[in-house]
Amino acid sequence: MERRVQKQARRIAAVFILLLASLLLGDRLFLLWMGTSSADWPKAVGVVQSFEASPVDAGRAGETWRVKIEYVYEVDGSVFQAERVRFTKRFAGLDQDALELVRSRYAPGTEVIVHHHPARHSLAVLEPGRDTQAWFGLLVGLGLVLIAAVFWLVPTRTAGSRVAGGSSRNA
């Protein structure tokens, strides 16, 4: 009876882990796909409207920064506003030197090249291409799939079966 309950608990955990893995994998595959395709998107000239930097944390490596950049651009007579810099979940983790470099590159009033989706002009990015953070998330998702497989497939042992096995070795 105890073995059946343990097996059921492990299988529930495996399903939960697999669900989390599938969400992460789907998200990261989308980011990688969009990043790859964005390199071939049409370009428009845009202007940076605002640049905001906020501290993320002050860990062992020191204070890091998260950046929010708003820009506008025009396609086919329509004006669009966007914030996406690259296809990753966030533009963060910048140290002070990297922050200053990004701040000078995307200062308000600066003209920028905007890569916009050919059919959905409101979907745009300043730095096209795949991002390493998306690859890392993909690897984590695959690791979670392996953990779920172990939870599902590895046989459950009871305390009694370990004791019985141990006593037969000593005899």
C-alpha atoms as a PDB file:
ATOM      1  CA  MET A   1       0.000   0.000   0.000  1.00  0.00           C
ATOM      2  CA  GLU A   2       2.793   2.416   0.956  1.00  0.00           C
ATOM      3  CA  ARG A   3       4.569   1.668  -2.324  1.00  0.00           C
ATOM      4  CA  ARG A   4       1.468   2.542  -4.356  1.00  0.00           C
ATOM      5  CA  VAL A   5       1.075   5.888  -2.549  1.00  0.00           C
ATOM      6  CA  GLN A   6       4.750   6.728  -3.127  1.00  0.00           C
ATOM      7  CA  LYS A   7       4.492   5.798  -6.789  1.00  0.00           C
ATOM      8  CA  GLN A   8       1.380   7.940  -7.187  1.00  0.00           C
ATOM      9  CA  ALA A   9       3.056  10.905  -5.444  1.00  0.00           C
ATOM     10  CA  ARG A  10       6.135  10.596  -7.670  1.00  0.00           C
ATOM     11  CA  ARG A  11       3.997  10.437 -10.796  1.00  0.00           C
ATOM     12  CA  ILE A  12       2.044  13.529  -9.743  1.00  0.00           C
ATOM     13  CA  ALA A  13       5.357  15.308  -9.144  1.00  0.00           C
ATOM     14  CA  ALA A  14       6.590  14.128 -12.565  1.00  0.00           C
ATOM     15  CA  VAL A  15       3.502  15.519 -14.290  1.00  0.00           C
ATOM     16  CA  PHE A  16       3.874  18.837 -12.451  1.00  0.00           C
ATOM     17  CA  ILE A  17       7.580  19.078 -13.387  1.00  0.00           C
ATOM     18  CA  LEU A  18       6.781  18.122 -16.984  1.00  0.00           C
ATOM     19  CA  LEU A  19       4.129  20.844 -17.136  1.00  0.00           C
ATOM     20  CA  LEU A  20       6.633  23.445 -15.923  1.00  0.00           C
ATOM     21  CA  ALA A  21       9.225  22.142 -18.384  1.00  0.00           C
ATOM     22  CA  SER A  22       6.801  22.333 -21.300  1.00  0.00           C
ATOM     23  CA  LEU A  23       5.895  25.939 -20.453  1.00  0.00           C
ATOM     24  CA  LEU A  24       9.555  26.900 -20.219  1.00  0.00           C
ATOM     25  CA  LEU A  25      10.489  25.013 -23.394  1.00  0.00           C
ATOM     26  CA  GLY A  26       7.612  26.540 -25.353  1.00  0.00           C
ATOM     27  CA  ASP A  27       8.527  30.040 -24.225  1.00  0.00           C
ATOM     28  CA  ARG A  28      12.226  29.623 -24.994  1.00  0.00           C
ATOM     29  CA  LEU A  29      11.611  27.977 -28.364  1.00  0.00           C
ATOM     30  CA  PHE A  30       9.368  30.930 -29.252  1.00  0.00           C
ATOM     31  CA  LEU A  31      12.100  33.401 -28.233  1.00  0.00           C
ATOM     32  CA  LEU A  32      14.728  31.521 -30.251  1.00  0.00           C
ATOM     33  CA  TRP A  33      12.436  31.266 -33.278  1.00  0.00           C
ATOM     34  CA  MET A  34      11.510  34.956 -33.167  1.00  0.00           C
ATOM     35  CA  GLY A  35      15.118  35.946 -32.564  1.00  0.00           C
ATOM     36  CA  THR A  36      16.258  33.928 -35.566  1.00  0.00           C
ATOM     37  CA  SER A  37      13.568  35.270 -37.877  1.00  0.00           C
ATOM     38  CA  SER A  38      13.983  38.885 -36.692  1.00  0.00           C
ATOM     39  CA  ALA A  39      17.363  39.131 -38.439  1.00  0.00           C
ATOM     40  CA  ASP A  40      15.513  39.049 -41.797  1.00  0.00           C
ATOM     41  CA  TRP A  41      12.693  41.447 -40.876  1.00  0.00           C
ATOM     42  CA  PRO A  42      12.222  44.771 -42.676  1.00  0.00           C
ATOM     43  CA  LYS A  43      13.868  47.794 -41.071  1.00  0.00           C
ATOM     44  CA  ALA A  44      12.583  51.230 -40.230  1.00  0.00           C
ATOM     45  CA  VAL A  45      14.197  54.260 -38.664  1.00  0.00           C
ATOM     46  CA  GLY A  46      13.004  54.926 -35.135  1.00  0.00           C
ATOM     47  CA  VAL A  47      13.706  57.362 -32.332  1.00  0.00           C
ATOM     48  CA  VAL A  48      14.317  56.474 -28.679  1.00  0.00           C
ATOM     49  CA  GLN A  49      11.648  58.176 -26.563  1.00  0.00           C
ATOM     50  CA  SER A  50      12.775  57.197 -23.069  1.00  0.00           C
ATOM     51  CA  PHE A  51      15.474  55.289 -21.233  1.00  0.00           C
ATOM     52  CA  GLU A  52      14.960  54.024 -17.686  1.00  0.00           C
ATOM     53  CA  ALA A  53      17.422  52.071 -15.566  1.00  0.00           C
ATOM     54  CA  SER A  54      16.419  50.478 -12.281  1.00  0.00           C
ATOM     55  CA  PRO A  55      18.588  48.463  -9.889  1.00  0.00           C
ATOM     56  CA  VAL A  56      17.921  44.724  -9.804  1.00  0.00           C
ATOM     57  CA  ASP A  57      19.945  43.658  -6.770  1.00  0.00           C
ATOM     58  CA  ALA A  58      23.219  44.195  -4.991  1.00  0.00           C
ATOM     59  CA  GLY A  59      24.570  40.659  -4.818  1.00  0.00           C
ATOM     60  CA  ARG A  60      28.136  39.436  -4.624  1.00  0.00           C
ATOM     61  CA  ALA A  61      28.908  40.863  -8.060  1.00  0.00           C
ATOM     62  CA  GLY A  62      27.654  44.290  -7.016  1.00  0.00           C
ATOM     63  CA  GLU A  63      24.627  46.211  -8.142  1.00  0.00           C
ATOM     64  CA  THR A  64      23.116  45.245 -11.487  1.00  0.00           C
ATOM     65  CA  TRP A  65      20.618  47.108 -13.602  1.00  0.00           C
ATOM     66  CA  ARG A  66      17.453  46.453 -15.600  1.00  0.00           C
ATOM     67  CA  VAL A  67      16.823  48.712 -18.561  1.00  0.00           C
ATOM     68  CA  LYS A  68      13.577  49.795 -20.197  1.00  0.00           C
ATOM     69  CA  ILE A  69      13.829  51.555 -23.563  1.00  0.00           C
ATOM     70  CA  GLU A  70      10.808  52.983 -25.360  1.00  0.00           C
ATOM     71  CA  TYR A  71      11.055  53.905 -29.022  1.00  0.00           C
ATOM     72  CA  VAL A  72       8.748  54.949 -31.854  1.00  0.00           C
ATOM     73  CA  TYR A  73       8.954  54.157 -35.550  1.00  0.00           C
ATOM     74  CA  GLU A  74       6.810  54.507 -38.646  1.00  0.00           C
ATOM     75  CA  VAL A  75       5.773  51.807 -41.117  1.00  0.00           C
ATOM     76  CA  ASP A  76       3.452  52.447 -44.074  1.00  0.00           C
ATOM     77  CA  GLY A  77       2.282  55.769 -42.636  1.00  0.00           C
ATOM     78  CA  SER A  78       1.406  54.353 -39.201  1.00  0.00           C
ATOM     79  CA  VAL A  79       3.382  55.195 -36.055  1.00  0.00           C
ATOM     80  CA  PHE A  80       4.173  52.401 -33.602  1.00  0.00           C
ATOM     81  CA  GLN A  81       5.672  52.404 -30.116  1.00  0.00           C
ATOM     82  CA  ALA A  82       7.666  49.477 -28.729  1.00  0.00           C
ATOM     83  CA  GLU A  83       9.955  48.491 -25.847  1.00  0.00           C
ATOM     84  CA  ARG A  84      11.561  45.240 -26.958  1.00  0.00           C
ATOM     85  CA  VAL A  85      15.321  45.468 -27.271  1.00  0.00           C
ATOM     86  CA  ARG A  86      15.974  41.785 -28.028  1.00  0.00           C
ATOM     87  CA  PHE A  87      14.106  38.510 -27.888  1.00  0.00           C
ATOM     88  CA  THR A  88      14.788  37.576 -24.316  1.00  0.00           C
ATOM     89  CA  LYS A  89      12.709  37.790 -21.194  1.00  0.00           C
ATOM     90  CA  ARG A  90      14.490  40.843 -19.898  1.00  0.00           C
ATOM     91  CA  PHE A  91      17.272  43.267 -20.617  1.00  0.00           C
ATOM     92  CA  ALA A  92      18.850  43.094 -17.183  1.00  0.00           C
ATOM     93  CA  GLY A  93      21.884  42.054 -15.220  1.00  0.00           C
ATOM     94  CA  LEU A  94      24.001  44.896 -16.547  1.00  0.00           C
ATOM     95  CA  ASP A  95      26.913  46.111 -14.459  1.00  0.00           C
ATOM     96  CA  GLN A  96      27.656  49.838 -14.235  1.00  0.00           C
ATOM     97  CA  ASP A  97      29.989  49.883 -17.274  1.00  0.00           C
ATOM     98  CA  ALA A  98      27.535  47.959 -19.480  1.00  0.00           C
ATOM     99  CA  LEU A  99      24.720  50.238 -18.292  1.00  0.00           C
ATOM    100  CA  GLU A 100      26.632  53.345 -19.370  1.00  0.00           C
ATOM    101  CA  LEU A 101      27.370  51.801 -22.767  1.00  0.00           C
ATOM    102  CA  VAL A 102      23.680  50.951 -23.296  1.00  0.00           C
ATOM    103  CA  ARG A 103      22.629  54.383 -21.997  1.00  0.00           C
ATOM    104  CA  SER A 104      24.866  56.138 -24.543  1.00  0.00           C
ATOM    105  CA  ARG A 105      23.683  53.853 -27.357  1.00  0.00           C
ATOM    106  CA  TYR A 106      19.970  54.333 -26.601  1.00  0.00           C
ATOM    107  CA  ALA A 107      19.819  57.871 -25.193  1.00  0.00           C
ATOM    108  CA  PRO A 108      16.464  59.637 -25.695  1.00  0.00           C
ATOM    109  CA  GLY A 109      16.345  61.357 -29.081  1.00  0.00           C
ATOM    110  CA  THR A 110      18.802  58.908 -30.662  1.00  0.00           C
ATOM    111  CA  GLU A 111      17.858  57.480 -34.056  1.00  0.00           C
ATOM    112  CA  VAL A 112      17.803  53.670 -34.089  1.00  0.00           C
ATOM    113  CA  ILE A 113      17.226  50.962 -36.656  1.00  0.00           C
ATOM    114  CA  VAL A 114      14.061  49.059 -35.771  1.00  0.00           C
ATOM    115  CA  HIS A 115      13.494  45.552 -37.125  1.00  0.00           C
ATOM    116  CA  HIS A 116       9.725  45.005 -37.381  1.00  0.00           C
ATOM    117  CA  HIS A 117       7.686  41.909 -38.193  1.00  0.00           C
ATOM    118  CA  PRO A 118       6.640  41.934 -41.881  1.00  0.00           C
ATOM    119  CA  ALA A 119       2.960  41.248 -41.120  1.00  0.00           C
ATOM    120  CA  ARG A 120       2.591  42.574 -37.550  1.00  0.00           C
ATOM    121  CA  HIS A 121       4.365  45.928 -37.718  1.00  0.00           C
ATOM    122  CA  SER A 122       3.762  46.539 -34.003  1.00  0.00           C
ATOM    123  CA  LEU A 123       6.102  43.625 -33.167  1.00  0.00           C
ATOM    124  CA  ALA A 124       9.607  45.073 -33.279  1.00  0.00           C
ATOM    125  CA  VAL A 125      13.089  44.680 -31.873  1.00  0.00           C
ATOM    126  CA  LEU A 126      16.217  46.828 -31.785  1.00  0.00           C
ATOM    127  CA  GLU A 127      18.770  44.003 -31.555  1.00  0.00           C
ATOM    128  CA  PRO A 128      17.678  41.102 -33.783  1.00  0.00           C
ATOM    129  CA  GLY A 129      18.996  37.581 -33.421  1.00  0.00           C
ATOM    130  CA  ARG A 130      19.025  34.811 -30.838  1.00  0.00           C
ATOM    131  CA  ASP A 131      19.929  35.599 -27.257  1.00  0.00           C
ATOM    132  CA  THR A 132      22.047  33.386 -24.997  1.00  0.00           C
ATOM    133  CA  GLN A 133      19.517  33.645 -22.156  1.00  0.00           C
ATOM    134  CA  ALA A 134      16.983  31.827 -24.324  1.00  0.00           C
ATOM    135  CA  TRP A 135      19.467  28.985 -24.911  1.00  0.00           C
ATOM    136  CA  PHE A 136      20.075  28.694 -21.161  1.00  0.00           C
ATOM    137  CA  GLY A 137      16.332  28.476 -20.481  1.00  0.00           C
ATOM    138  CA  LEU A 138      16.031  25.796 -23.153  1.00  0.00           C
ATOM    139  CA  LEU A 139      18.727  23.714 -21.417  1.00  0.00           C
ATOM    140  CA  VAL A 140      16.997  24.139 -18.045  1.00  0.00           C
ATOM    141  CA  GLY A 141      13.711  23.000 -19.601  1.00  0.00           C
ATOM    142  CA  LEU A 142      15.366  19.887 -21.049  1.00  0.00           C
ATOM    143  CA  GLY A 143      16.894  19.171 -17.630  1.00  0.00           C
ATOM    144  CA  LEU A 144      13.427  19.366 -16.084  1.00  0.00           C
ATOM    145  CA  VAL A 145      12.147  16.857 -18.659  1.00  0.00           C
ATOM    146  CA  LEU A 146      14.898  14.441 -17.574  1.00  0.00           C
ATOM    147  CA  ILE A 147      14.029  14.932 -13.902  1.00  0.00           C
ATOM    148  CA  ALA A 148      10.356  14.248 -14.670  1.00  0.00           C
ATOM    149  CA  ALA A 149      11.343  11.071 -16.534  1.00  0.00           C
ATOM    150  CA  VAL A 150      13.347   9.870 -13.535  1.00  0.00           C
ATOM    151  CA  PHE A 151      10.419  10.561 -11.193  1.00  0.00           C
ATOM    152  CA  TRP A 152       8.099   8.626 -13.518  1.00  0.00           C
ATOM    153  CA  LEU A 153      10.298   5.678 -14.428  1.00  0.00           C
ATOM    154  CA  VAL A 154      12.540   4.837 -11.469  1.00  0.00           C
ATOM    155  CA  PRO A 155      10.973   2.116  -9.310  1.00  0.00           C
ATOM    156  CA  THR A 156       9.767   3.034  -5.844  1.00  0.00           C
ATOM    157  CA  ARG A 157      11.402   1.294  -2.906  1.00  0.00           C
ATOM    158  CA  THR A 158       9.871   0.875   0.499  1.00  0.00           C
ATOM    159  CA  ALA A 159      11.780   1.020   3.774  1.00  0.00           C
ATOM    160  CA  GLY A 160      11.086  -2.677   4.344  1.00  0.00           C
ATOM    161  CA  SER A 161      12.638  -3.739   1.041  1.00  0.00           C
ATOM    162  CA  ARG A 162      15.884  -1.914   1.875  1.00  0.00           C
ATOM    163  CA  VAL A 163      16.117  -3.523   5.319  1.00  0.00           C
ATOM    164  CA  ALA A 164      15.390  -6.981   3.951  1.00  0.00           C
ATOM    165  CA  GLY A 165      18.028  -6.541   1.241  1.00  0.00           C
ATOM    166  CA  GLY A 166      20.568  -5.328   3.766  1.00  0.00           C
ATOM    167  CA  SER A 167      20.010  -8.216   6.211  1.00  0.00           C
ATOM    168  CA  SER A 168      20.500 -10.837   3.478  1.00  0.00           C
ATOM    169  CA  ARG A 169      23.907  -9.340   2.644  1.00  0.00           C
ATOM    170  CA  ASN A 170      25.062  -9.661   6.246  1.00  0.00           C
ATOM    171  CA  ALA A 171      23.965 -13.282   6.609  1.00  0.00           C
END
